[in-house]
């Protein structure tokens, strides 16, 4: 974020007040019609952080949102997911009369003593360092909006002992649909994925061409170099190639090891050191696990 001044919204009631809305019907959950939102002049002056989950589907925002490392507009149906404590920034120009969509705000306390409280972070779009919004087709947008309408209808009725679990179940359905659509997005955005694969190959080629006293490349290092979060990169690669980032690193490492074993007279220890291993035994163990040969046996097979 270029704006270092972060404004924290601590409750859903405080959010309603800051956006000129009446008090929420429930202090821990609210589903807001985006057309009812009126942005104040200060919206562009801060980066924002909420103490609650924020799930939104918006169209027609006259402006952009800085969401992780990218900017998005909302001319088409776009969903994004913000977990408590994450930071984002809105660059709104004016309130458009054509804006539409909805925003679901849920405080973590609403999930307390439910199964979802324990595994909501399994949904990787909450852990992508918010670098990837979800672009919906018209059919997908209709499906998620229908779920949102069901949530609104449930908490607008008389709250009873069943309400929380029913709403939590509906939220979980919404999250599962979003996960399906994210998976579809990985597949359909093939050009972008292909570019990531090309950059990954080039990055690993460059890394293993040099001696690295600092060790093997880590998943975090690779993701940082590609300007992606580790979870997002591994998910993208898994869908595109069937391999995780760690497996790609190992595949490239074995490829470079084979080149050195067959094309140079370097010892196994020297090769291990060049590739980033502190101990040659670790290199030999990994090489055999991946090829069924020890490094020396592999070399001898080419003599």
Foldseek 3Di string as FASTA:
>chain_A
DVQPAEDEDEWPQSVCVQQVHDGAPDGFKDKFKPLSGAHDPCQQVHKYFYQWKKKWWKADFQWWKAFQPDIDHHPATKIAIEGGPQIIGTDGDGRDNPMTIMMMTGHLVLCPPHPCNVCVVVLCSNVFSRPDIFGDDPVLRVVLVVLSVVLVVLSVDDDDPCSSVVNVVSVVVSSVSSSVRVLVVLVVVVVVLVVLVVVLVVVLVVLLVFFDQPAADDLCNSCVVSVTHSVVQQSSCCSVPVGGPVVVSLVSLLVSLLCCLAPHPDDLQVSCRRNGHPDSVVVQVSNCVVPVDGSVRSSVVND
